[in-house]
């Protein structure tokens, strides 16, 4: 998979290194000559250019990319890059970094953003997840399709404990993605059973989150 990353700061370079380690092709784009540190990610391609300019993205051959990541420290830039990638070059998947939570509402399909990643939201969600067993925690939002990645750790009073995964009638527009058990990541096996303290990750539509939480943790909403 070929991935273009706009913004070659610490965040962009870290993403690039991880993607390269997983066997992908990566192009890093930045307009600041000081950010062009090819020795830091030697296997990546580098382009000194303004990713907000159509000519720069044409030079980057963005139409050959399956994913475009806007990871700069400026929200306006990330929105423009996402919009151009989606509308002018038909990139199938766009991921945009949200630097300021107050701007998060703009990172949606109208601006060409498929996935918005807000570091403050993720950090607060992880804090919540650490202290709120039995409560559904939204980790991040997929703007295309109004779906969210959510997590819930099964409490001791959950009626789901001991049930076979394949026997559970999950709410519509909900998919169990993985089960984390004692530090191991497990694929959801229809023959497997749910256990106390299993950490369940779902992709779920907004309107099904409360229903999902009630199923898994019936104490939700009680005083």
N, C-alpha and C. Protein backbone atom coordinates (compact mmCIF):
# COMPACT_ATOMS: atom_id res chain seq x y z
N UNK A 1 0.85 -1.19 0.00
CA UNK A 1 0.00 0.00 0.00
C UNK A 1 0.88 1.24 0.00
N UNK A 2 0.52 2.21 -0.81
CA UNK A 2 1.28 3.47 -0.87
C UNK A 2 0.54 4.53 -0.05
N UNK A 3 1.29 5.21 0.83
CA UNK A 3 0.70 6.18 1.74
C UNK A 3 1.47 7.50 1.63
N UNK A 4 0.73 8.59 1.48
CA UNK A 4 1.33 9.92 1.51
C UNK A 4 1.03 10.56 2.85
N UNK A 5 2.05 11.16 3.45
CA UNK A 5 1.90 11.82 4.74
C UNK A 5 2.29 13.29 4.60
N UNK A 6 1.33 14.18 4.82
CA UNK A 6 1.61 15.61 4.80
C UNK A 6 1.97 16.05 6.21
N UNK A 7 3.19 16.55 6.35
CA UNK A 7 3.68 16.92 7.68
C UNK A 7 4.76 15.95 8.12
N UNK A 8 6.01 16.40 8.09
CA UNK A 8 7.13 15.51 8.41
C UNK A 8 7.73 15.84 9.78
N UNK A 9 6.89 16.31 10.68
CA UNK A 9 7.34 16.54 12.05
C UNK A 9 7.45 15.22 12.80
N UNK A 10 7.51 15.32 14.11
CA UNK A 10 7.66 14.10 14.92
C UNK A 10 6.52 13.12 14.69
N UNK A 11 5.30 13.65 14.59
CA UNK A 11 4.14 12.76 14.39
C UNK A 11 4.22 12.08 13.03
N UNK A 12 4.45 12.87 11.98
CA UNK A 12 4.51 12.30 10.63
C UNK A 12 5.62 11.27 10.48
N UNK A 13 6.79 11.58 11.04
CA UNK A 13 7.91 10.65 10.92
C UNK A 13 7.65 9.36 11.70
N UNK A 14 7.01 9.47 12.84
CA UNK A 14 6.69 8.28 13.63
C UNK A 14 5.71 7.37 12.89
N UNK A 15 4.70 8.00 12.28
CA UNK A 15 3.73 7.22 11.49
C UNK A 15 4.43 6.54 10.33
N UNK A 16 5.30 7.30 9.65
CA UNK A 16 6.02 6.76 8.49
C UNK A 16 6.86 5.55 8.88
N UNK A 17 7.59 5.67 9.98
CA UNK A 17 8.45 4.57 10.41
C UNK A 17 7.63 3.31 10.70
N UNK A 18 6.48 3.49 11.33
CA UNK A 18 5.62 2.35 11.65
C UNK A 18 5.07 1.70 10.38
N UNK A 19 4.64 2.51 9.43
CA UNK A 19 4.09 1.98 8.18
C UNK A 19 5.16 1.26 7.37
N UNK A 20 6.35 1.81 7.33
CA UNK A 20 7.45 1.16 6.61
C UNK A 20 7.79 -0.18 7.25
N UNK A 21 7.76 -0.23 8.56
CA UNK A 21 8.04 -1.47 9.28
C UNK A 21 7.03 -2.55 8.92
N UNK A 22 5.82 -2.12 8.57
CA UNK A 22 4.76 -3.05 8.21
C UNK A 22 4.69 -3.32 6.70
N UNK A 23 5.70 -2.85 5.97
CA UNK A 23 5.82 -3.21 4.56
C UNK A 23 5.16 -2.28 3.57
N UNK A 24 4.77 -1.08 3.98
CA UNK A 24 4.10 -0.16 3.08
C UNK A 24 5.10 0.83 2.47
N UNK A 25 4.70 1.44 1.35
CA UNK A 25 5.48 2.52 0.75
C UNK A 25 5.00 3.84 1.33
N UNK A 26 5.94 4.73 1.65
CA UNK A 26 5.57 5.98 2.31
C UNK A 26 6.27 7.16 1.64
N UNK A 27 5.48 8.21 1.41
CA UNK A 27 6.01 9.48 0.93
C UNK A 27 5.72 10.54 1.97
N UNK A 28 6.76 11.23 2.46
CA UNK A 28 6.61 12.32 3.42
C UNK A 28 6.72 13.65 2.68
N UNK A 29 5.76 14.56 2.94
CA UNK A 29 5.73 15.86 2.29
C UNK A 29 5.78 16.96 3.34
N UNK A 30 6.65 17.94 3.16
CA UNK A 30 6.68 19.08 4.06
C UNK A 30 7.27 20.28 3.32
N UNK A 31 6.75 21.47 3.63
CA UNK A 31 7.23 22.68 2.95
C UNK A 31 8.39 23.34 3.67
N UNK A 32 8.68 22.88 4.89
CA UNK A 32 9.76 23.45 5.69
C UNK A 32 11.04 22.65 5.46
N UNK A 33 12.07 23.27 4.90
CA UNK A 33 13.32 22.54 4.64
C UNK A 33 13.91 21.91 5.91
N UNK A 34 13.65 22.54 7.07
CA UNK A 34 14.18 21.99 8.32
C UNK A 34 13.52 20.67 8.71
N UNK A 35 12.35 20.41 8.14
CA UNK A 35 11.64 19.16 8.46
C UNK A 35 12.10 18.00 7.60
N UNK A 36 12.84 18.29 6.54
CA UNK A 36 13.30 17.24 5.64
C UNK A 36 14.53 16.58 6.26
N UNK A 37 14.27 15.53 7.01
CA UNK A 37 15.34 14.80 7.72
C UNK A 37 15.35 13.36 7.21
N UNK A 38 15.83 13.23 5.98
CA UNK A 38 15.77 11.93 5.31
C UNK A 38 16.49 10.84 6.08
N UNK A 39 17.52 11.23 6.83
CA UNK A 39 18.27 10.22 7.58
C UNK A 39 17.46 9.62 8.72
N UNK A 40 16.41 10.33 9.16
CA UNK A 40 15.60 9.84 10.28
C UNK A 40 14.66 8.71 9.84
N UNK A 41 14.20 8.76 8.59
CA UNK A 41 13.37 7.69 8.03
C UNK A 41 13.92 7.40 6.64
N UNK A 42 15.05 6.71 6.56
CA UNK A 42 15.77 6.59 5.28
C UNK A 42 15.03 5.81 4.20
N UNK A 43 14.10 4.96 4.59
CA UNK A 43 13.41 4.15 3.57
C UNK A 43 12.21 4.87 2.96
N UNK A 44 11.87 6.02 3.51
CA UNK A 44 10.73 6.79 2.97
C UNK A 44 11.17 7.64 1.80
N UNK A 45 10.21 7.99 0.94
CA UNK A 45 10.43 9.03 -0.07
C UNK A 45 10.15 10.37 0.58
N UNK A 46 10.86 11.41 0.13
CA UNK A 46 10.70 12.74 0.71
C UNK A 46 10.43 13.76 -0.39
N UNK A 47 9.57 14.71 -0.07
CA UNK A 47 9.26 15.77 -1.03
C UNK A 47 9.16 17.09 -0.30
N UNK A 48 10.00 18.05 -0.69
CA UNK A 48 9.94 19.41 -0.15
C UNK A 48 8.92 20.19 -0.96
N UNK A 49 7.75 20.37 -0.41
CA UNK A 49 6.67 21.03 -1.15
C UNK A 49 5.54 21.38 -0.20
N UNK A 50 4.67 22.27 -0.65
CA UNK A 50 3.50 22.67 0.11
C UNK A 50 2.34 21.75 -0.26
N UNK A 51 1.91 20.90 0.70
CA UNK A 51 0.86 19.92 0.42
C UNK A 51 -0.50 20.55 0.19
N UNK A 52 -0.62 21.85 0.41
CA UNK A 52 -1.89 22.54 0.13
C UNK A 52 -1.98 23.00 -1.32
N UNK A 53 -0.90 22.82 -2.08
CA UNK A 53 -0.87 23.23 -3.47
C UNK A 53 -1.14 22.04 -4.39
N UNK A 54 -2.04 22.22 -5.34
CA UNK A 54 -2.36 21.14 -6.28
C UNK A 54 -1.12 20.66 -7.02
N UNK A 55 -0.28 21.59 -7.42
CA UNK A 55 0.91 21.21 -8.18
C UNK A 55 1.83 20.30 -7.35
N UNK A 56 1.89 20.55 -6.05
CA UNK A 56 2.72 19.72 -5.17
C UNK A 56 2.16 18.30 -5.09
N UNK A 57 0.86 18.21 -4.97
CA UNK A 57 0.24 16.89 -4.87
C UNK A 57 0.32 16.14 -6.20
N UNK A 58 0.29 16.87 -7.30
CA UNK A 58 0.49 16.24 -8.60
C UNK A 58 1.91 15.69 -8.71
N UNK A 59 2.88 16.48 -8.22
CA UNK A 59 4.27 16.01 -8.21
C UNK A 59 4.42 14.78 -7.33
N UNK A 60 3.64 14.72 -6.27
CA UNK A 60 3.68 13.57 -5.36
C UNK A 60 2.94 12.36 -5.92
N UNK A 61 2.26 12.53 -7.07
CA UNK A 61 1.46 11.46 -7.68
C UNK A 61 0.47 10.88 -6.66
N UNK A 62 -0.28 11.79 -6.06
CA UNK A 62 -1.20 11.38 -4.99
C UNK A 62 -2.25 10.39 -5.48
N UNK A 63 -2.55 10.42 -6.76
CA UNK A 63 -3.55 9.49 -7.30
C UNK A 63 -3.10 8.04 -7.20
N UNK A 64 -1.82 7.82 -6.98
CA UNK A 64 -1.30 6.46 -6.83
C UNK A 64 -1.36 5.97 -5.39
N UNK A 65 -1.80 6.83 -4.48
CA UNK A 65 -1.83 6.47 -3.06
C UNK A 65 -3.19 5.89 -2.67
N UNK A 66 -3.15 4.90 -1.81
CA UNK A 66 -4.38 4.34 -1.26
C UNK A 66 -4.83 5.09 -0.01
N UNK A 67 -3.87 5.75 0.66
CA UNK A 67 -4.19 6.48 1.88
C UNK A 67 -3.41 7.80 1.88
N UNK A 68 -4.07 8.87 2.32
CA UNK A 68 -3.40 10.15 2.55
C UNK A 68 -3.61 10.52 4.02
N UNK A 69 -2.51 10.87 4.68
CA UNK A 69 -2.56 11.24 6.09
C UNK A 69 -2.14 12.70 6.23
N UNK A 70 -3.01 13.51 6.82
CA UNK A 70 -2.69 14.92 7.07
C UNK A 70 -2.30 15.04 8.54
N UNK A 71 -0.99 15.16 8.80
CA UNK A 71 -0.52 15.08 10.19
C UNK A 71 0.21 16.33 10.64
N UNK A 72 -0.06 17.46 9.99
CA UNK A 72 0.63 18.68 10.37
C UNK A 72 0.08 19.21 11.69
N UNK A 73 0.75 20.21 12.23
CA UNK A 73 0.30 20.83 13.47
C UNK A 73 -0.71 21.94 13.26
N UNK A 74 -1.20 22.08 12.03
CA UNK A 74 -2.15 23.13 11.71
C UNK A 74 -3.44 22.50 11.18
N UNK A 75 -4.55 22.75 11.86
CA UNK A 75 -5.82 22.12 11.47
C UNK A 75 -6.29 22.58 10.10
N UNK A 76 -6.08 23.85 9.76
CA UNK A 76 -6.52 24.34 8.44
C UNK A 76 -5.79 23.58 7.34
N UNK A 77 -4.51 23.39 7.51
CA UNK A 77 -3.73 22.65 6.52
C UNK A 77 -4.23 21.23 6.40
N UNK A 78 -4.50 20.59 7.51
CA UNK A 78 -4.95 19.20 7.47
C UNK A 78 -6.29 19.06 6.77
N UNK A 79 -7.16 20.03 6.94
CA UNK A 79 -8.46 20.00 6.26
C UNK A 79 -8.29 20.19 4.75
N UNK A 80 -7.45 21.14 4.35
CA UNK A 80 -7.23 21.39 2.93
C UNK A 80 -6.60 20.17 2.26
N UNK A 81 -5.60 19.59 2.88
CA UNK A 81 -4.94 18.40 2.32
C UNK A 81 -5.94 17.27 2.15
N UNK A 82 -6.77 17.04 3.16
CA UNK A 82 -7.77 15.97 3.08
C UNK A 82 -8.76 16.21 1.94
N UNK A 83 -9.22 17.45 1.82
CA UNK A 83 -10.20 17.78 0.79
C UNK A 83 -9.61 17.59 -0.60
N UNK A 84 -8.39 18.07 -0.81
CA UNK A 84 -7.75 17.92 -2.11
C UNK A 84 -7.48 16.46 -2.43
N UNK A 85 -7.01 15.72 -1.44
CA UNK A 85 -6.72 14.30 -1.66
C UNK A 85 -7.96 13.54 -2.10
N UNK A 86 -9.07 13.85 -1.46
CA UNK A 86 -10.31 13.12 -1.75
C UNK A 86 -10.96 13.58 -3.05
N UNK A 87 -11.07 14.89 -3.24
CA UNK A 87 -11.86 15.40 -4.37
C UNK A 87 -11.06 15.51 -5.66
N UNK A 88 -9.79 15.86 -5.57
CA UNK A 88 -8.98 16.07 -6.78
C UNK A 88 -8.21 14.84 -7.21
N UNK A 89 -7.89 13.96 -6.26
CA UNK A 89 -7.04 12.82 -6.60
C UNK A 89 -7.70 11.47 -6.31
N UNK A 90 -8.90 11.50 -5.75
CA UNK A 90 -9.65 10.27 -5.54
C UNK A 90 -8.98 9.28 -4.61
N UNK A 91 -8.24 9.78 -3.60
CA UNK A 91 -7.60 8.88 -2.64
C UNK A 91 -8.69 8.16 -1.85
N UNK A 92 -8.66 6.83 -1.80
CA UNK A 92 -9.75 6.09 -1.15
C UNK A 92 -9.90 6.36 0.34
N UNK A 93 -8.79 6.62 1.04
CA UNK A 93 -8.86 6.75 2.50
C UNK A 93 -8.05 7.95 2.96
N UNK A 94 -8.68 8.83 3.72
CA UNK A 94 -7.97 9.99 4.27
C UNK A 94 -8.06 9.96 5.79
N UNK A 95 -6.94 10.28 6.41
CA UNK A 95 -6.87 10.34 7.88
C UNK A 95 -6.30 11.70 8.24
N UNK A 96 -6.97 12.41 9.14
CA UNK A 96 -6.54 13.77 9.48
C UNK A 96 -6.35 13.92 10.98
N UNK A 97 -5.26 14.58 11.33
CA UNK A 97 -4.96 14.88 12.73
C UNK A 97 -5.71 16.13 13.16
N UNK A 98 -6.38 16.05 14.30
CA UNK A 98 -7.06 17.21 14.89
C UNK A 98 -6.19 17.73 16.03
N UNK A 99 -5.70 18.94 15.89
CA UNK A 99 -4.82 19.50 16.92
C UNK A 99 -5.58 20.18 18.04
N UNK A 100 -6.67 20.86 17.67
CA UNK A 100 -7.45 21.61 18.66
C UNK A 100 -8.87 21.04 18.72
N UNK A 101 -9.29 20.51 19.86
CA UNK A 101 -10.61 19.88 19.98
C UNK A 101 -11.76 20.75 19.51
N UNK A 102 -11.62 22.07 19.63
CA UNK A 102 -12.73 22.95 19.20
C UNK A 102 -12.97 22.89 17.70
N UNK A 103 -11.98 22.40 16.95
CA UNK A 103 -12.13 22.30 15.49
C UNK A 103 -12.63 20.93 15.03
N UNK A 104 -12.83 20.04 15.96
CA UNK A 104 -13.13 18.66 15.59
C UNK A 104 -14.39 18.52 14.74
N UNK A 105 -15.36 19.39 14.97
CA UNK A 105 -16.62 19.30 14.25
C UNK A 105 -16.45 19.47 12.74
N UNK A 106 -15.38 20.12 12.32
CA UNK A 106 -15.17 20.34 10.88
C UNK A 106 -14.55 19.14 10.18
N UNK A 107 -13.96 18.23 10.93
CA UNK A 107 -13.26 17.10 10.33
C UNK A 107 -14.25 16.00 9.97
N UNK A 108 -14.96 16.21 8.88
CA UNK A 108 -16.01 15.30 8.47
C UNK A 108 -15.95 15.05 6.97
N UNK A 109 -16.95 14.35 6.47
CA UNK A 109 -16.99 13.96 5.06
C UNK A 109 -17.01 15.18 4.13
N UNK A 110 -17.62 16.27 4.58
CA UNK A 110 -17.69 17.47 3.75
C UNK A 110 -16.30 18.01 3.43
N UNK A 111 -15.35 17.77 4.31
CA UNK A 111 -13.97 18.19 4.10
C UNK A 111 -13.09 17.04 3.63
N UNK A 112 -13.70 15.95 3.23
CA UNK A 112 -12.94 14.84 2.69
C UNK A 112 -12.26 13.97 3.72
N UNK A 113 -12.63 14.10 4.99
CA UNK A 113 -11.98 13.36 6.07
C UNK A 113 -12.75 12.06 6.34
N UNK A 114 -12.07 10.93 6.19
CA UNK A 114 -12.69 9.65 6.53
C UNK A 114 -12.51 9.33 8.01
N UNK A 115 -11.32 9.56 8.53
CA UNK A 115 -11.03 9.28 9.94
C UNK A 115 -10.35 10.50 10.55
N UNK A 116 -10.93 11.03 11.62
CA UNK A 116 -10.33 12.15 12.35
C UNK A 116 -9.71 11.62 13.63
N UNK A 117 -8.45 11.94 13.86
CA UNK A 117 -7.74 11.46 15.04
C UNK A 117 -7.42 12.66 15.93
N UNK A 118 -8.07 12.70 17.08
CA UNK A 118 -7.85 13.79 18.03
C UNK A 118 -7.06 13.25 19.20
N UNK A 119 -5.81 13.67 19.33
CA UNK A 119 -4.97 13.18 20.42
C UNK A 119 -5.57 13.47 21.80
N UNK A 120 -6.08 14.68 22.06
CA UNK A 120 -6.69 14.90 23.38
C UNK A 120 -7.86 13.97 23.65
N UNK A 121 -8.68 13.69 22.63
CA UNK A 121 -9.82 12.80 22.85
C UNK A 121 -9.34 11.38 23.14
N UNK A 122 -8.36 10.91 22.38
CA UNK A 122 -7.86 9.55 22.60
C UNK A 122 -7.25 9.44 23.99
N UNK A 123 -6.48 10.44 24.40
CA UNK A 123 -5.86 10.38 25.72
C UNK A 123 -6.92 10.36 26.82
N UNK A 124 -7.94 11.19 26.69
CA UNK A 124 -8.99 11.21 27.72
C UNK A 124 -9.78 9.91 27.71
N UNK A 125 -9.97 9.34 26.50
CA UNK A 125 -10.69 8.07 26.40
C UNK A 125 -9.90 6.95 27.07
N UNK A 126 -8.58 6.96 26.89
CA UNK A 126 -7.76 5.93 27.51
C UNK A 126 -7.77 6.07 29.03
N UNK A 127 -7.83 7.31 29.52
CA UNK A 127 -7.93 7.51 30.96
C UNK A 127 -9.26 6.96 31.46
N UNK A 128 -10.34 7.27 30.73
CA UNK A 128 -11.65 6.76 31.11
C UNK A 128 -11.65 5.24 31.12
N UNK A 129 -11.06 4.65 30.06
CA UNK A 129 -11.04 3.19 29.93
C UNK A 129 -10.33 2.54 31.11
N UNK A 130 -9.32 3.24 31.65
CA UNK A 130 -8.55 2.67 32.74
C UNK A 130 -9.32 2.67 34.06
N UNK A 131 -10.32 3.54 34.17
CA UNK A 131 -10.98 3.67 35.47
C UNK A 131 -12.47 3.32 35.43
N UNK A 132 -12.99 2.91 34.29
CA UNK A 132 -14.44 2.75 34.18
C UNK A 132 -14.83 1.39 33.60
N UNK A 133 -14.48 0.33 34.30
CA UNK A 133 -14.91 -1.00 33.88
C UNK A 133 -16.43 -1.05 33.84
N UNK A 134 -16.98 -1.56 32.75
CA UNK A 134 -18.43 -1.65 32.62
C UNK A 134 -19.06 -0.49 31.88
N UNK A 135 -18.30 0.55 31.59
CA UNK A 135 -18.83 1.69 30.84
C UNK A 135 -18.24 1.70 29.44
N UNK A 136 -19.08 2.01 28.47
CA UNK A 136 -18.64 2.08 27.09
C UNK A 136 -17.81 3.34 26.88
N UNK A 137 -16.63 3.19 26.28
CA UNK A 137 -15.73 4.31 26.04
C UNK A 137 -15.53 4.47 24.54
N UNK A 138 -15.78 5.66 24.02
CA UNK A 138 -15.56 5.94 22.60
C UNK A 138 -14.10 6.33 22.41
N UNK A 139 -13.39 5.55 21.60
CA UNK A 139 -11.96 5.81 21.38
C UNK A 139 -11.75 6.79 20.25
N UNK A 140 -12.37 6.57 19.09
CA UNK A 140 -12.36 7.59 18.05
C UNK A 140 -13.48 7.35 17.06
N UNK A 141 -13.66 8.33 16.18
CA UNK A 141 -14.81 8.36 15.29
C UNK A 141 -14.39 8.21 13.84
N UNK A 142 -15.12 7.35 13.11
CA UNK A 142 -14.97 7.26 11.67
C UNK A 142 -16.01 8.21 11.09
N UNK A 143 -15.56 9.31 10.52
CA UNK A 143 -16.51 10.31 10.06
C UNK A 143 -17.37 9.80 8.92
N UNK A 144 -16.82 8.91 8.09
CA UNK A 144 -17.60 8.37 6.97
C UNK A 144 -18.42 7.21 7.51
N UNK A 145 -19.73 7.37 7.53
CA UNK A 145 -20.59 6.30 8.01
C UNK A 145 -21.07 6.48 9.43
N UNK A 146 -20.66 7.55 10.10
CA UNK A 146 -21.12 7.85 11.46
C UNK A 146 -20.93 6.67 12.40
N UNK A 147 -19.75 6.07 12.35
CA UNK A 147 -19.43 4.93 13.21
C UNK A 147 -18.27 5.29 14.12
N UNK A 148 -18.18 4.56 15.24
CA UNK A 148 -17.14 4.83 16.22
C UNK A 148 -16.45 3.54 16.63
N UNK A 149 -15.19 3.66 17.03
CA UNK A 149 -14.50 2.55 17.67
C UNK A 149 -14.73 2.71 19.16
N UNK A 150 -15.39 1.72 19.77
CA UNK A 150 -15.73 1.81 21.19
C UNK A 150 -15.20 0.60 21.93
N UNK A 151 -15.02 0.78 23.25
CA UNK A 151 -14.45 -0.28 24.08
C UNK A 151 -15.26 -0.44 25.34
N UNK A 152 -15.39 -1.68 25.80
CA UNK A 152 -16.00 -1.94 27.09
C UNK A 152 -15.35 -3.17 27.71
N UNK A 153 -14.99 -3.06 28.99
CA UNK A 153 -14.44 -4.19 29.74
C UNK A 153 -15.56 -4.83 30.53
N UNK A 154 -15.76 -6.13 30.37
CA UNK A 154 -16.89 -6.82 31.00
C UNK A 154 -16.75 -6.83 32.52
N UNK A 155 -17.74 -6.26 33.23
CA UNK A 155 -17.73 -6.30 34.69
C UNK A 155 -18.26 -7.65 35.19
N UNK A 156 -18.13 -7.87 36.48
CA UNK A 156 -18.50 -9.18 37.04
C UNK A 156 -19.99 -9.48 36.96
N UNK A 157 -20.83 -8.43 36.82
CA UNK A 157 -22.27 -8.67 36.76
C UNK A 157 -22.80 -8.71 35.33
N UNK A 158 -21.91 -8.77 34.34
CA UNK A 158 -22.36 -8.77 32.95
C UNK A 158 -23.05 -10.09 32.60
N UNK A 159 -24.23 -10.02 32.00
CA UNK A 159 -24.93 -11.26 31.59
C UNK A 159 -24.27 -11.95 30.40
N UNK A 160 -23.28 -11.30 29.79
CA UNK A 160 -22.61 -11.87 28.64
C UNK A 160 -21.52 -12.87 29.02
N UNK A 161 -21.08 -12.84 30.27
CA UNK A 161 -20.00 -13.73 30.70
C UNK A 161 -20.45 -15.19 30.56
N UNK A 162 -19.64 -15.98 29.88
CA UNK A 162 -19.94 -17.40 29.68
C UNK A 162 -20.71 -17.71 28.41
N UNK A 163 -21.20 -16.67 27.71
CA UNK A 163 -21.95 -16.91 26.48
C UNK A 163 -21.00 -17.10 25.30
N UNK A 164 -21.42 -17.95 24.35
CA UNK A 164 -20.66 -18.11 23.11
C UNK A 164 -20.83 -16.87 22.25
N UNK A 165 -19.73 -16.41 21.66
CA UNK A 165 -19.77 -15.20 20.84
C UNK A 165 -20.78 -15.35 19.70
N UNK A 166 -20.82 -16.54 19.09
CA UNK A 166 -21.70 -16.77 17.96
C UNK A 166 -23.17 -16.81 18.33
N UNK A 167 -23.49 -16.93 19.63
CA UNK A 167 -24.88 -16.98 20.07
C UNK A 167 -25.45 -15.62 20.44
N UNK A 168 -24.59 -14.61 20.46
CA UNK A 168 -25.03 -13.28 20.90
C UNK A 168 -25.59 -12.49 19.72
N UNK A 169 -26.76 -11.96 19.90
CA UNK A 169 -27.42 -11.16 18.86
C UNK A 169 -27.04 -9.69 19.07
N UNK A 170 -25.93 -9.29 18.43
CA UNK A 170 -25.46 -7.93 18.62
C UNK A 170 -26.43 -6.94 17.96
N UNK A 171 -26.47 -5.70 18.41
CA UNK A 171 -27.34 -4.70 17.78
C UNK A 171 -26.97 -4.50 16.31
N UNK A 172 -27.92 -4.04 15.54
CA UNK A 172 -27.68 -3.75 14.13
C UNK A 172 -26.60 -2.68 14.02
N UNK A 173 -25.83 -2.72 12.93
CA UNK A 173 -24.75 -1.76 12.69
C UNK A 173 -23.69 -1.80 13.79
N UNK A 174 -23.42 -3.01 14.27
CA UNK A 174 -22.40 -3.21 15.31
C UNK A 174 -21.55 -4.42 14.93
N UNK A 175 -20.23 -4.30 15.06
CA UNK A 175 -19.35 -5.43 14.76
C UNK A 175 -18.30 -5.55 15.86
N UNK A 176 -18.19 -6.75 16.42
CA UNK A 176 -17.14 -7.04 17.39
C UNK A 176 -15.84 -7.24 16.63
N UNK A 177 -14.86 -6.37 16.89
CA UNK A 177 -13.61 -6.38 16.13
C UNK A 177 -12.58 -7.30 16.77
N UNK A 178 -12.40 -7.19 18.07
CA UNK A 178 -11.40 -8.01 18.75
C UNK A 178 -11.72 -8.12 20.22
N UNK A 179 -11.12 -9.10 20.87
CA UNK A 179 -11.22 -9.30 22.32
C UNK A 179 -9.80 -9.28 22.88
N UNK A 180 -9.58 -8.43 23.87
CA UNK A 180 -8.28 -8.39 24.53
C UNK A 180 -8.43 -9.08 25.88
N UNK A 181 -7.66 -10.15 26.06
CA UNK A 181 -7.77 -10.97 27.27
C UNK A 181 -6.37 -11.26 27.83
N UNK A 182 -6.14 -10.78 29.04
CA UNK A 182 -4.85 -11.00 29.71
C UNK A 182 -3.67 -10.62 28.82
N UNK A 183 -3.82 -9.48 28.15
CA UNK A 183 -2.73 -8.97 27.32
C UNK A 183 -2.66 -9.56 25.93
N UNK A 184 -3.52 -10.50 25.60
CA UNK A 184 -3.52 -11.12 24.28
C UNK A 184 -4.65 -10.55 23.44
N UNK A 185 -4.38 -10.38 22.15
CA UNK A 185 -5.40 -9.90 21.21
C UNK A 185 -5.99 -11.13 20.50
N UNK A 186 -7.29 -11.34 20.68
CA UNK A 186 -7.96 -12.52 20.15
C UNK A 186 -8.96 -12.13 19.05
N UNK A 187 -8.98 -12.95 18.00
CA UNK A 187 -10.04 -12.78 17.01
C UNK A 187 -11.34 -13.29 17.59
N UNK A 188 -12.45 -12.62 17.29
CA UNK A 188 -13.74 -13.09 17.82
C UNK A 188 -14.12 -14.45 17.21
N UNK A 189 -13.98 -15.50 17.96
CA UNK A 189 -14.30 -16.86 17.52
C UNK A 189 -15.75 -17.17 17.89
N UNK A 190 -16.61 -17.48 16.90
CA UNK A 190 -18.01 -17.77 17.23
C UNK A 190 -18.16 -18.88 18.26
N UNK A 191 -17.18 -19.78 18.33
CA UNK A 191 -17.26 -20.89 19.29
C UNK A 191 -16.70 -20.51 20.66
N UNK A 192 -15.99 -19.39 20.72
CA UNK A 192 -15.39 -18.97 21.99
C UNK A 192 -16.40 -18.32 22.90
N UNK A 193 -16.08 -18.25 24.18
CA UNK A 193 -16.97 -17.64 25.16
C UNK A 193 -16.34 -16.36 25.73
N UNK A 194 -17.19 -15.48 26.19
CA UNK A 194 -16.73 -14.25 26.83
C UNK A 194 -16.43 -14.50 28.30
N UNK A 195 -15.38 -13.84 28.80
CA UNK A 195 -14.95 -14.04 30.17
C UNK A 195 -14.90 -12.72 30.92
N UNK A 196 -14.93 -12.81 32.26
CA UNK A 196 -14.83 -11.64 33.12
C UNK A 196 -13.57 -10.85 32.78
N UNK A 197 -13.70 -9.54 32.68
CA UNK A 197 -12.60 -8.61 32.40
C UNK A 197 -12.12 -8.68 30.95
N UNK A 198 -12.84 -9.37 30.08
CA UNK A 198 -12.53 -9.28 28.65
C UNK A 198 -12.73 -7.83 28.21
N UNK A 199 -11.79 -7.33 27.43
CA UNK A 199 -11.90 -5.99 26.87
C UNK A 199 -12.38 -6.14 25.43
N UNK A 200 -13.59 -5.68 25.14
CA UNK A 200 -14.21 -5.86 23.83
C UNK A 200 -14.11 -4.55 23.04
N UNK A 201 -13.66 -4.67 21.80
CA UNK A 201 -13.61 -3.51 20.91
C UNK A 201 -14.61 -3.71 19.78
N UNK A 202 -15.46 -2.70 19.59
CA UNK A 202 -16.50 -2.75 18.56
C UNK A 202 -16.36 -1.55 17.63
N UNK A 203 -16.81 -1.75 16.39
CA UNK A 203 -17.17 -0.62 15.54
C UNK A 203 -18.69 -0.56 15.58
N UNK A 204 -19.21 0.59 16.02
CA UNK A 204 -20.66 0.69 16.24
C UNK A 204 -21.17 2.05 15.78
N UNK A 205 -22.40 2.04 15.28
CA UNK A 205 -23.06 3.29 14.90
C UNK A 205 -23.44 4.07 16.15
N UNK A 206 -23.53 5.39 16.01
CA UNK A 206 -23.86 6.25 17.14
C UNK A 206 -25.11 5.78 17.88
N UNK A 207 -26.14 5.47 17.11
CA UNK A 207 -27.44 5.19 17.72
C UNK A 207 -27.50 3.84 18.42
N UNK A 208 -26.50 2.98 18.21
CA UNK A 208 -26.54 1.66 18.86
C UNK A 208 -25.65 1.57 20.09
N UNK A 209 -24.91 2.62 20.40
CA UNK A 209 -23.96 2.55 21.51
C UNK A 209 -24.64 2.29 22.85
N UNK A 210 -25.72 3.01 23.13
CA UNK A 210 -26.40 2.84 24.41
C UNK A 210 -26.99 1.43 24.53
N UNK A 211 -27.56 0.94 23.43
CA UNK A 211 -28.11 -0.42 23.43
C UNK A 211 -27.02 -1.45 23.69
N UNK A 212 -25.87 -1.25 23.08
CA UNK A 212 -24.74 -2.17 23.26
C UNK A 212 -24.27 -2.15 24.71
N UNK A 213 -24.19 -0.96 25.28
CA UNK A 213 -23.74 -0.84 26.67
C UNK A 213 -24.71 -1.52 27.62
N UNK A 214 -26.02 -1.38 27.38
CA UNK A 214 -27.02 -2.02 28.23
C UNK A 214 -26.93 -3.55 28.14
N UNK A 215 -26.63 -4.05 26.96
CA UNK A 215 -26.49 -5.51 26.79
C UNK A 215 -25.32 -6.06 27.60
N UNK A 216 -24.19 -5.36 27.51
CA UNK A 216 -22.95 -5.87 28.10
C UNK A 216 -22.83 -5.58 29.57
N UNK A 217 -23.41 -4.48 30.01
CA UNK A 217 -23.23 -4.05 31.40
C UNK A 217 -24.54 -3.50 31.92
N UNK A 218 -25.43 -4.37 32.43
CA UNK A 218 -26.79 -3.94 32.79
C UNK A 218 -26.85 -2.95 33.94
N UNK A 219 -25.73 -2.77 34.67
CA UNK A 219 -25.75 -1.78 35.75
C UNK A 219 -25.67 -0.37 35.20
N UNK A 220 -25.40 -0.23 33.87
CA UNK A 220 -25.29 1.10 33.26
C UNK A 220 -26.57 1.89 33.48
N UNK A 221 -26.41 3.10 33.97
CA UNK A 221 -27.56 3.99 34.18
C UNK A 221 -28.21 3.85 35.51
N UNK A 222 -27.84 2.80 36.32
CA UNK A 222 -28.43 2.66 37.63
C UNK A 222 -27.70 3.55 38.64
N UNK A 223 -28.40 3.94 39.67
CA UNK A 223 -27.81 4.74 40.72
C UNK A 223 -27.26 3.82 41.81
